Amino acid sequence: KDSPVRSRDATLYLLRCVFLMGVRKPPAKFFVAYVLWSFALNFCSTFYQPIGFLTGYISHLSEFSPGEFLTSLQVAFNAWSCSTKVLIVWALVKRFDEANNILDEMDRRITDPGERLQVHRAVSLSNRIFFFFMAVYMVYATNTFLSAIFIGRPPYQNYYPFLDWRSSTLHLALQAGLEYFAMAGACFQDVCVDCYPVNFILVLRAHMSIFAERLRRLGTYPSESQEQRYERLVECIQDHKVILRFVDCLRPVISGTIFVQFLVVGLVLGFTLINIVLFANLGSAIAALSFMAAVLLETTPFCILCNYLTEDCYKLADALFQSNWIDEEKRYQKTLMYFLQKLQQPITFMAMNVFPISVGTNISVTKFSFSVFTLVKQMNISEKL
């Protein structure tokens, strides 16, 4: 008989990829190989790539066509934000393990096969979403690489010492290969730092749905004594504390990474829109559209989940109120009223205590991209370029 799926399996592939990002403690058996891989990937993707973009602009700005410049610029802003997010996750990566340990605590309260099925569905959806993110990001990196090779130029024209891609085909191939490795590595990292909130919160929502049913059933078992009913209520209060501990564990990581993304998403989408409408040929337009999809994926799914999470909290309060408490003793009723007040405080995430993470905020920062596009149109910057 197969063992029941665990909630931590929702982050199974995510945490394997986080390990491959090179931000974990090196395993004793492959210590040297892991350290070398971590150095190669993070040197190319996390540290050098943002510098390479900037140096490339300073060195060869006059040689960029407008479309190439905007393709490079839109990715440069995203690369700088990705590097910052990777460093935040690197500093707080142990919180993922702590969150999974708390999920194990929640799993111990699940006994019913129907409840296990809910968790199983959330775990399955979570892993499918992770692979969807990976596909979208990698399609962008490969698409940009192939369309650049087709026209005989490196994708982003980063600066690499001792390499001048104009001098020979070998130098062009080396530069394009290095840029593709760095961008594929950055996309791989970006999947991890953008998808983890979705993976964790999806399975949390499954547990909150199960918890709502548990609250609704309070006081409905005729065979229970008053003391047993009170103990069951206290157990539910403990369950709620576990949920809040899970959220508090992830809050610092989510707050930092989403804040960084909110800062750049409008600007990046603005440059991409300008590129598609004014300068892009078919190949680079397809690459830019896949890039837009990847950028929108960085915040939109999690912002939608945050709105759902607020609704879930109100459903918990409704479920407790609908339980059988009217005829209970005074002690039970007083405890329930106190608990009801706690449940009416929704779980919210803030981006560095500046923006609430919600669909409304996401729409506001995305609308900024149209402001950037309108500004460029009105100032005739496209003609000057």
Protein backbone atom coordinates (compact mmCIF):
# COMPACT_ATOMS: atom_id res chain seq x y z
CA LYS A 1 0.00 0.00 0.00
CA ASP A 2 1.33 3.42 -0.96
CA SER A 3 2.13 5.73 1.93
CA PRO A 4 -0.06 8.89 2.00
CA VAL A 5 1.40 11.95 0.34
CA ARG A 6 3.01 14.46 2.71
CA SER A 7 2.45 18.22 2.55
CA ARG A 8 6.22 18.77 2.28
CA ASP A 9 6.10 16.98 -1.10
CA ALA A 10 4.57 20.20 -2.51
CA THR A 11 8.09 21.66 -2.38
CA LEU A 12 9.95 18.47 -3.35
CA TYR A 13 11.17 19.66 -6.78
CA LEU A 14 11.50 23.25 -5.62
CA LEU A 15 13.95 22.31 -2.85
CA ARG A 16 15.91 20.03 -5.18
CA CYS A 17 16.35 22.99 -7.53
CA VAL A 18 17.24 25.27 -4.59
CA PHE A 19 19.97 22.73 -3.79
CA LEU A 20 21.17 22.90 -7.43
CA MET A 21 21.28 26.71 -7.14
CA GLY A 22 24.29 26.13 -4.88
CA VAL A 23 22.86 28.00 -1.88
CA ARG A 24 22.70 25.01 0.47
CA LYS A 25 25.26 23.61 2.89
CA PRO A 26 27.62 21.47 0.75
CA PRO A 27 27.07 17.71 1.22
CA ALA A 28 30.08 15.92 2.74
CA LYS A 29 30.26 13.30 -0.06
CA PHE A 30 30.37 15.81 -2.96
CA PHE A 31 31.80 18.81 -1.09
CA VAL A 32 34.33 19.93 -3.75
CA ALA A 33 32.02 19.29 -6.73
CA TYR A 34 29.15 21.19 -5.06
CA VAL A 35 31.34 24.17 -4.10
CA LEU A 36 32.76 24.36 -7.67
CA TRP A 37 29.28 24.15 -9.21
CA SER A 38 27.95 26.76 -6.77
CA PHE A 39 30.86 29.09 -7.61
CA ALA A 40 30.43 28.66 -11.41
CA LEU A 41 26.65 29.19 -11.41
CA ASN A 42 26.52 32.04 -8.90
CA PHE A 43 29.58 33.81 -10.31
CA CYS A 44 28.10 33.78 -13.84
CA SER A 45 24.39 34.29 -13.04
CA THR A 46 24.12 36.00 -9.65
CA PHE A 47 27.19 38.23 -9.52
CA TYR A 48 28.77 38.79 -12.94
CA GLN A 49 25.69 38.97 -15.17
CA PRO A 50 24.33 42.30 -13.77
CA ILE A 51 27.87 43.76 -13.99
CA GLY A 52 28.26 42.37 -17.54
CA PHE A 53 25.09 44.16 -18.69
CA LEU A 54 26.20 47.50 -17.23
CA THR A 55 29.76 47.22 -18.59
CA GLY A 56 28.40 46.22 -22.01
CA TYR A 57 26.31 49.41 -22.18
CA ILE A 58 29.26 51.60 -21.20
CA SER A 59 31.64 49.91 -23.68
CA HIS A 60 29.45 49.44 -26.77
CA LEU A 61 26.32 51.59 -26.41
CA SER A 62 26.72 53.14 -29.90
CA GLU A 63 26.77 49.68 -31.52
CA PHE A 64 23.36 48.57 -30.19
CA SER A 65 20.32 48.81 -32.44
CA PRO A 66 17.27 50.21 -30.55
CA GLY A 67 15.64 46.75 -30.40
CA GLU A 68 18.83 45.08 -29.13
CA PHE A 69 19.31 47.82 -26.54
CA LEU A 70 15.75 47.43 -25.20
CA THR A 71 16.01 43.62 -25.21
CA SER A 72 19.19 43.90 -23.21
CA LEU A 73 17.83 46.65 -20.90
CA GLN A 74 14.59 44.84 -20.02
CA VAL A 75 16.59 41.75 -19.09
CA ALA A 76 19.24 43.79 -17.24
CA PHE A 77 16.69 45.21 -14.79
CA ASN A 78 15.25 41.74 -14.25
CA ALA A 79 18.75 40.28 -13.80
CA TRP A 80 19.58 42.83 -11.11
CA SER A 81 16.32 42.05 -9.30
CA CYS A 82 16.89 38.28 -9.69
CA SER A 83 20.37 38.55 -8.15
CA THR A 84 18.95 40.47 -5.19
CA LYS A 85 16.19 37.88 -4.70
CA VAL A 86 18.72 35.02 -4.87
CA LEU A 87 20.79 36.69 -2.13
CA ILE A 88 17.66 37.10 0.06
CA VAL A 89 16.75 33.42 -0.38
CA TRP A 90 20.40 32.40 0.20
CA ALA A 91 20.39 34.26 3.54
CA LEU A 92 17.03 32.79 4.66
CA VAL A 93 16.99 29.36 2.96
CA LYS A 94 16.76 27.51 6.32
CA ARG A 95 13.26 28.91 6.72
CA PHE A 96 12.09 26.58 3.93
CA ASP A 97 13.10 23.57 6.05
CA GLU A 98 11.45 25.09 9.14
CA ALA A 99 8.24 25.64 7.13
CA ASN A 100 8.27 22.00 5.99
CA ASN A 101 8.70 20.84 9.59
CA ILE A 102 5.61 22.86 10.52
CA LEU A 103 3.73 21.25 7.60
CA ASP A 104 4.64 17.86 9.12
CA GLU A 105 2.95 19.03 12.35
CA MET A 106 -0.20 19.90 10.37
CA ASP A 107 -0.12 16.49 8.66
CA ARG A 108 -0.23 14.71 12.02
CA ARG A 109 -3.72 16.16 12.60
CA ILE A 110 -5.03 14.66 9.35
CA THR A 111 -6.74 11.28 9.78
CA ASP A 112 -9.62 11.23 7.30
CA PRO A 113 -9.00 9.86 3.74
CA GLY A 114 -10.97 12.80 2.27
CA GLU A 115 -8.64 15.26 4.01
CA ARG A 116 -5.60 13.36 2.72
CA LEU A 117 -7.04 13.63 -0.79
CA GLN A 118 -7.28 17.44 -0.45
CA VAL A 119 -3.61 17.60 0.53
CA HIS A 120 -2.70 15.24 -2.31
CA ARG A 121 -4.44 17.52 -4.85
CA ALA A 122 -2.67 20.61 -3.49
CA VAL A 123 0.71 18.83 -3.64
CA SER A 124 0.06 17.67 -7.22
CA LEU A 125 -1.04 21.16 -8.37
CA SER A 126 1.94 22.76 -6.62
CA ASN A 127 4.46 20.55 -8.45
CA ARG A 128 2.71 21.03 -11.81
CA ILE A 129 2.88 24.82 -11.35
CA PHE A 130 6.60 24.56 -10.58
CA PHE A 131 7.25 22.74 -13.88
CA PHE A 132 5.05 25.25 -15.74
CA PHE A 133 7.17 28.12 -14.34
CA MET A 134 10.34 26.26 -15.36
CA ALA A 135 9.02 25.71 -18.91
CA VAL A 136 8.03 29.39 -19.41
CA TYR A 137 11.36 30.73 -18.10
CA MET A 138 13.52 28.28 -20.04
CA VAL A 139 11.55 28.84 -23.26
CA TYR A 140 12.35 32.55 -22.94
CA ALA A 141 16.11 31.95 -22.40
CA THR A 142 16.34 29.48 -25.32
CA ASN A 143 14.16 31.58 -27.62
CA THR A 144 16.28 34.70 -27.11
CA PHE A 145 19.46 32.69 -27.64
CA LEU A 146 18.24 31.09 -30.91
CA SER A 147 16.84 34.35 -32.38
CA ALA A 148 20.15 36.12 -31.58
CA ILE A 149 22.26 33.35 -33.14
CA PHE A 150 20.04 33.49 -36.23
CA ILE A 151 21.00 37.16 -36.83
CA GLY A 152 24.67 36.52 -35.91
CA ARG A 153 24.88 38.47 -32.63
CA PRO A 154 25.11 37.47 -28.95
CA PRO A 155 21.71 37.66 -27.17
CA TYR A 156 22.55 40.53 -24.76
CA GLN A 157 26.05 41.71 -25.79
CA ASN A 158 27.38 41.58 -22.23
CA TYR A 159 30.98 42.57 -21.61
CA TYR A 160 33.43 39.68 -21.20
CA PRO A 161 37.17 40.43 -20.92
CA PHE A 162 39.31 38.94 -23.72
CA LEU A 163 36.22 38.23 -25.87
CA ASP A 164 35.30 40.35 -28.87
CA TRP A 165 32.44 38.60 -30.66
CA ARG A 166 32.92 40.81 -33.74
CA SER A 167 36.44 39.47 -34.35
CA SER A 168 35.65 35.83 -35.22
CA THR A 169 32.97 33.15 -35.29
CA LEU A 170 34.70 31.32 -32.42
CA HIS A 171 34.51 34.41 -30.20
CA LEU A 172 30.85 34.87 -31.17
CA ALA A 173 30.09 31.22 -30.28
CA LEU A 174 31.96 31.51 -26.95
CA GLN A 175 30.21 34.75 -26.00
CA ALA A 176 26.76 33.46 -26.99
CA GLY A 177 27.41 30.22 -25.06
CA LEU A 178 28.53 32.11 -21.94
CA GLU A 179 25.54 34.44 -22.13
CA TYR A 180 23.15 31.50 -22.58
CA PHE A 181 24.69 29.64 -19.62
CA ALA A 182 24.42 32.75 -17.42
CA MET A 183 20.83 33.49 -18.53
CA ALA A 184 19.67 29.86 -18.26
CA GLY A 185 21.22 29.76 -14.78
CA ALA A 186 19.49 33.03 -13.87
CA CYS A 187 16.15 31.70 -15.18
CA PHE A 188 16.67 28.48 -13.19
CA GLN A 189 17.32 30.58 -10.06
CA ASP A 190 14.39 32.85 -10.86
CA VAL A 191 12.00 29.88 -11.00
CA CYS A 192 13.04 28.93 -7.46
CA VAL A 193 12.85 32.43 -5.98
CA ASP A 194 9.52 33.21 -7.71
CA CYS A 195 7.69 29.88 -7.33
CA TYR A 196 8.39 29.04 -3.65
CA PRO A 197 5.58 31.31 -2.26
CA VAL A 198 3.05 29.64 -4.58
CA ASN A 199 4.24 26.13 -3.63
CA PHE A 200 4.02 26.79 0.10
CA ILE A 201 0.76 28.79 0.13
CA LEU A 202 -1.15 26.32 -2.08
CA VAL A 203 -0.63 23.53 0.45
CA LEU A 204 -1.40 25.94 3.34
CA ARG A 205 -4.77 26.73 1.71
CA ALA A 206 -5.55 22.98 1.59
CA HIS A 207 -4.83 22.74 5.34
CA MET A 208 -7.00 25.81 6.03
CA SER A 209 -9.89 24.23 4.14
CA ILE A 210 -9.50 21.04 6.23
CA PHE A 211 -9.25 23.17 9.39
CA ALA A 212 -12.50 24.99 8.50
CA GLU A 213 -14.35 21.65 8.37
CA ARG A 214 -12.80 20.68 11.73
CA LEU A 215 -14.10 23.93 13.26
CA ARG A 216 -17.56 23.40 11.76
CA ARG A 217 -17.82 19.94 13.40
CA LEU A 218 -17.05 21.25 16.90
CA GLY A 219 -19.72 20.25 19.44
CA THR A 220 -21.59 18.00 16.98
CA TYR A 221 -20.56 14.64 18.52
CA PRO A 222 -23.33 13.57 20.97
CA SER A 223 -21.11 10.94 22.66
CA GLU A 224 -18.59 13.57 23.87
CA SER A 225 -18.65 14.99 27.39
CA GLN A 226 -18.41 18.75 28.07
CA GLU A 227 -14.75 18.35 28.98
CA GLN A 228 -13.97 16.46 25.76
CA ARG A 229 -15.71 19.15 23.67
CA TYR A 230 -13.68 21.84 25.41
CA GLU A 231 -10.45 19.89 24.79
CA ARG A 232 -11.35 19.62 21.10
CA LEU A 233 -11.82 23.42 20.96
CA VAL A 234 -8.41 23.94 22.63
CA GLU A 235 -6.84 21.57 20.05
CA CYS A 236 -8.30 23.76 17.26
CA ILE A 237 -6.78 26.86 18.88
CA GLN A 238 -3.42 25.06 18.88
CA ASP A 239 -3.93 24.18 15.19
CA HIS A 240 -4.50 27.86 14.40
CA LYS A 241 -1.30 28.78 16.22
CA VAL A 242 0.59 26.26 14.06
CA ILE A 243 -0.85 27.91 10.90
CA LEU A 244 0.24 31.37 12.12
CA ARG A 245 3.71 30.01 12.97
CA PHE A 246 4.00 28.65 9.41
CA VAL A 247 3.09 32.05 7.94
CA ASP A 248 5.50 33.90 10.27
CA CYS A 249 8.28 31.50 9.26
CA LEU A 250 7.93 32.40 5.55
CA ARG A 251 7.01 36.08 5.97
CA PRO A 252 10.59 37.57 5.93
CA VAL A 253 11.57 35.71 2.73
CA ILE A 254 8.33 36.54 0.90
CA SER A 255 8.44 40.17 2.06
CA GLY A 256 11.96 40.71 0.65
CA THR A 257 11.64 38.92 -2.69
CA ILE A 258 8.20 40.31 -3.61
CA PHE A 259 9.25 43.86 -2.65
CA VAL A 260 12.21 43.68 -5.05
CA GLN A 261 9.96 42.34 -7.80
CA PHE A 262 7.31 45.03 -7.28
CA LEU A 263 10.02 47.70 -7.66
CA VAL A 264 11.09 46.56 -11.14
CA VAL A 265 8.05 44.86 -12.73
CA GLY A 266 6.46 48.06 -14.15
CA LEU A 267 9.74 49.33 -15.57
CA VAL A 268 10.65 45.96 -17.12
CA LEU A 269 7.22 45.49 -18.72
CA GLY A 270 7.34 49.08 -20.02
CA PHE A 271 10.63 48.48 -21.85
CA THR A 272 9.29 45.18 -23.21
CA LEU A 273 6.12 46.82 -24.56
CA ILE A 274 8.17 49.55 -26.29
CA ASN A 275 10.41 46.89 -27.83
CA ILE A 276 7.49 44.78 -29.12
CA VAL A 277 5.44 47.69 -30.53
CA LEU A 278 8.21 49.83 -32.02
CA PHE A 279 11.33 47.81 -32.80
CA ALA A 280 11.02 44.02 -32.63
CA ASN A 281 11.11 41.68 -35.61
CA LEU A 282 9.09 38.43 -35.45
CA GLY A 283 11.78 36.39 -33.62
CA SER A 284 12.57 39.00 -31.00
CA ALA A 285 8.83 39.79 -30.57
CA ILE A 286 8.15 36.14 -29.70
CA ALA A 287 11.09 36.17 -27.28
CA ALA A 288 9.83 39.44 -25.74
CA LEU A 289 6.30 38.05 -25.33
CA SER A 290 7.65 34.95 -23.53
CA PHE A 291 9.70 37.34 -21.37
CA MET A 292 6.52 39.31 -20.52
CA ALA A 293 4.79 36.06 -19.52
CA ALA A 294 7.75 35.18 -17.28
CA VAL A 295 7.75 38.64 -15.64
CA LEU A 296 3.99 38.52 -14.99
CA LEU A 297 4.43 35.05 -13.45
CA GLU A 298 6.88 36.50 -10.92
CA THR A 299 4.15 38.26 -8.92
CA THR A 300 0.65 37.60 -10.31
CA PRO A 301 -0.06 34.00 -9.12
CA PHE A 302 1.13 34.71 -5.58
CA CYS A 303 -0.85 37.98 -5.39
CA ILE A 304 -4.00 36.06 -6.43
CA LEU A 305 -3.26 33.46 -3.74
CA CYS A 306 -2.90 36.23 -1.11
CA ASN A 307 -6.43 37.44 -1.93
CA TYR A 308 -7.75 33.88 -1.64
CA LEU A 309 -5.91 33.48 1.67
CA THR A 310 -7.74 36.50 3.13
CA GLU A 311 -11.06 34.92 2.09
CA ASP A 312 -9.99 31.61 3.66
CA CYS A 313 -9.46 33.40 6.99
CA TYR A 314 -13.00 34.79 6.93
CA LYS A 315 -14.29 31.30 6.09
CA LEU A 316 -12.55 29.97 9.22
CA ALA A 317 -14.41 32.55 11.37
CA ASP A 318 -17.72 31.62 9.67
CA ALA A 319 -17.05 27.90 10.21
CA LEU A 320 -16.40 28.41 13.94
CA PHE A 321 -19.55 30.53 14.30
CA GLN A 322 -21.59 27.81 12.54
CA SER A 323 -20.39 25.13 14.98
CA ASN A 324 -22.65 23.92 17.81
CA TRP A 325 -21.75 26.30 20.66
CA ILE A 326 -25.03 27.94 21.76
CA ASP A 327 -25.87 25.32 24.42
CA GLU A 328 -22.31 24.91 25.70
CA GLU A 329 -21.05 25.92 29.14
CA LYS A 330 -19.84 29.49 29.87
CA ARG A 331 -16.13 28.54 29.81
CA TYR A 332 -16.52 27.01 26.34
CA GLN A 333 -18.42 30.05 25.03
CA LYS A 334 -15.90 32.58 26.40
CA THR A 335 -12.97 30.65 24.87
CA LEU A 336 -14.83 30.36 21.56
CA MET A 337 -15.55 34.12 21.45
CA TYR A 338 -11.90 34.94 22.07
CA PHE A 339 -10.88 32.45 19.37
CA LEU A 340 -13.46 33.92 16.96
CA GLN A 341 -11.89 37.38 17.35
CA LYS A 342 -8.44 35.92 16.48
CA LEU A 343 -9.83 34.15 13.40
CA GLN A 344 -11.36 37.39 12.12
CA GLN A 345 -7.86 38.88 11.74
CA PRO A 346 -6.91 37.86 8.17
CA ILE A 347 -3.48 36.52 7.25
CA THR A 348 -1.78 39.17 5.11
CA PHE A 349 1.68 39.54 3.63
CA MET A 350 3.44 42.88 3.25
CA ALA A 351 6.30 43.71 0.89
CA MET A 352 8.85 45.17 3.36
CA ASN A 353 5.95 46.86 5.26
CA VAL A 354 5.50 49.19 2.23
CA PHE A 355 3.00 47.48 -0.11
CA PRO A 356 0.30 44.96 0.83
CA ILE A 357 0.83 41.90 -1.39
CA SER A 358 -2.49 41.65 -3.24
CA VAL A 359 -4.01 41.67 -6.72
CA GLY A 360 -4.71 45.41 -6.36
CA THR A 361 -1.03 46.21 -5.74
CA ASN A 362 0.01 43.92 -8.59
CA ILE A 363 -2.34 45.73 -11.00
CA SER A 364 -1.01 49.12 -9.81
CA VAL A 365 2.65 48.22 -10.44
CA THR A 366 1.79 46.57 -13.78
CA LYS A 367 -0.11 49.71 -14.89
CA PHE A 368 3.14 51.63 -14.42
CA SER A 369 4.45 49.85 -17.56
CA PHE A 370 1.81 51.67 -19.66
CA SER A 371 2.96 54.95 -18.10
CA VAL A 372 6.54 54.18 -19.21
CA PHE A 373 5.31 53.30 -22.72
CA THR A 374 3.19 56.49 -22.96
CA LEU A 375 6.10 58.64 -21.76
CA VAL A 376 8.41 57.21 -24.44
CA LYS A 377 5.77 57.76 -27.14
CA GLN A 378 5.09 61.37 -26.12
CA MET A 379 8.77 62.30 -25.91
CA ASN A 380 9.52 60.71 -29.31
CA ILE A 381 12.36 58.76 -27.74
CA SER A 382 11.83 55.96 -30.28
CA GLU A 383 12.65 58.33 -33.18
CA LYS A 384 15.74 59.62 -31.37
CA LEU A 385 16.91 56.04 -30.78
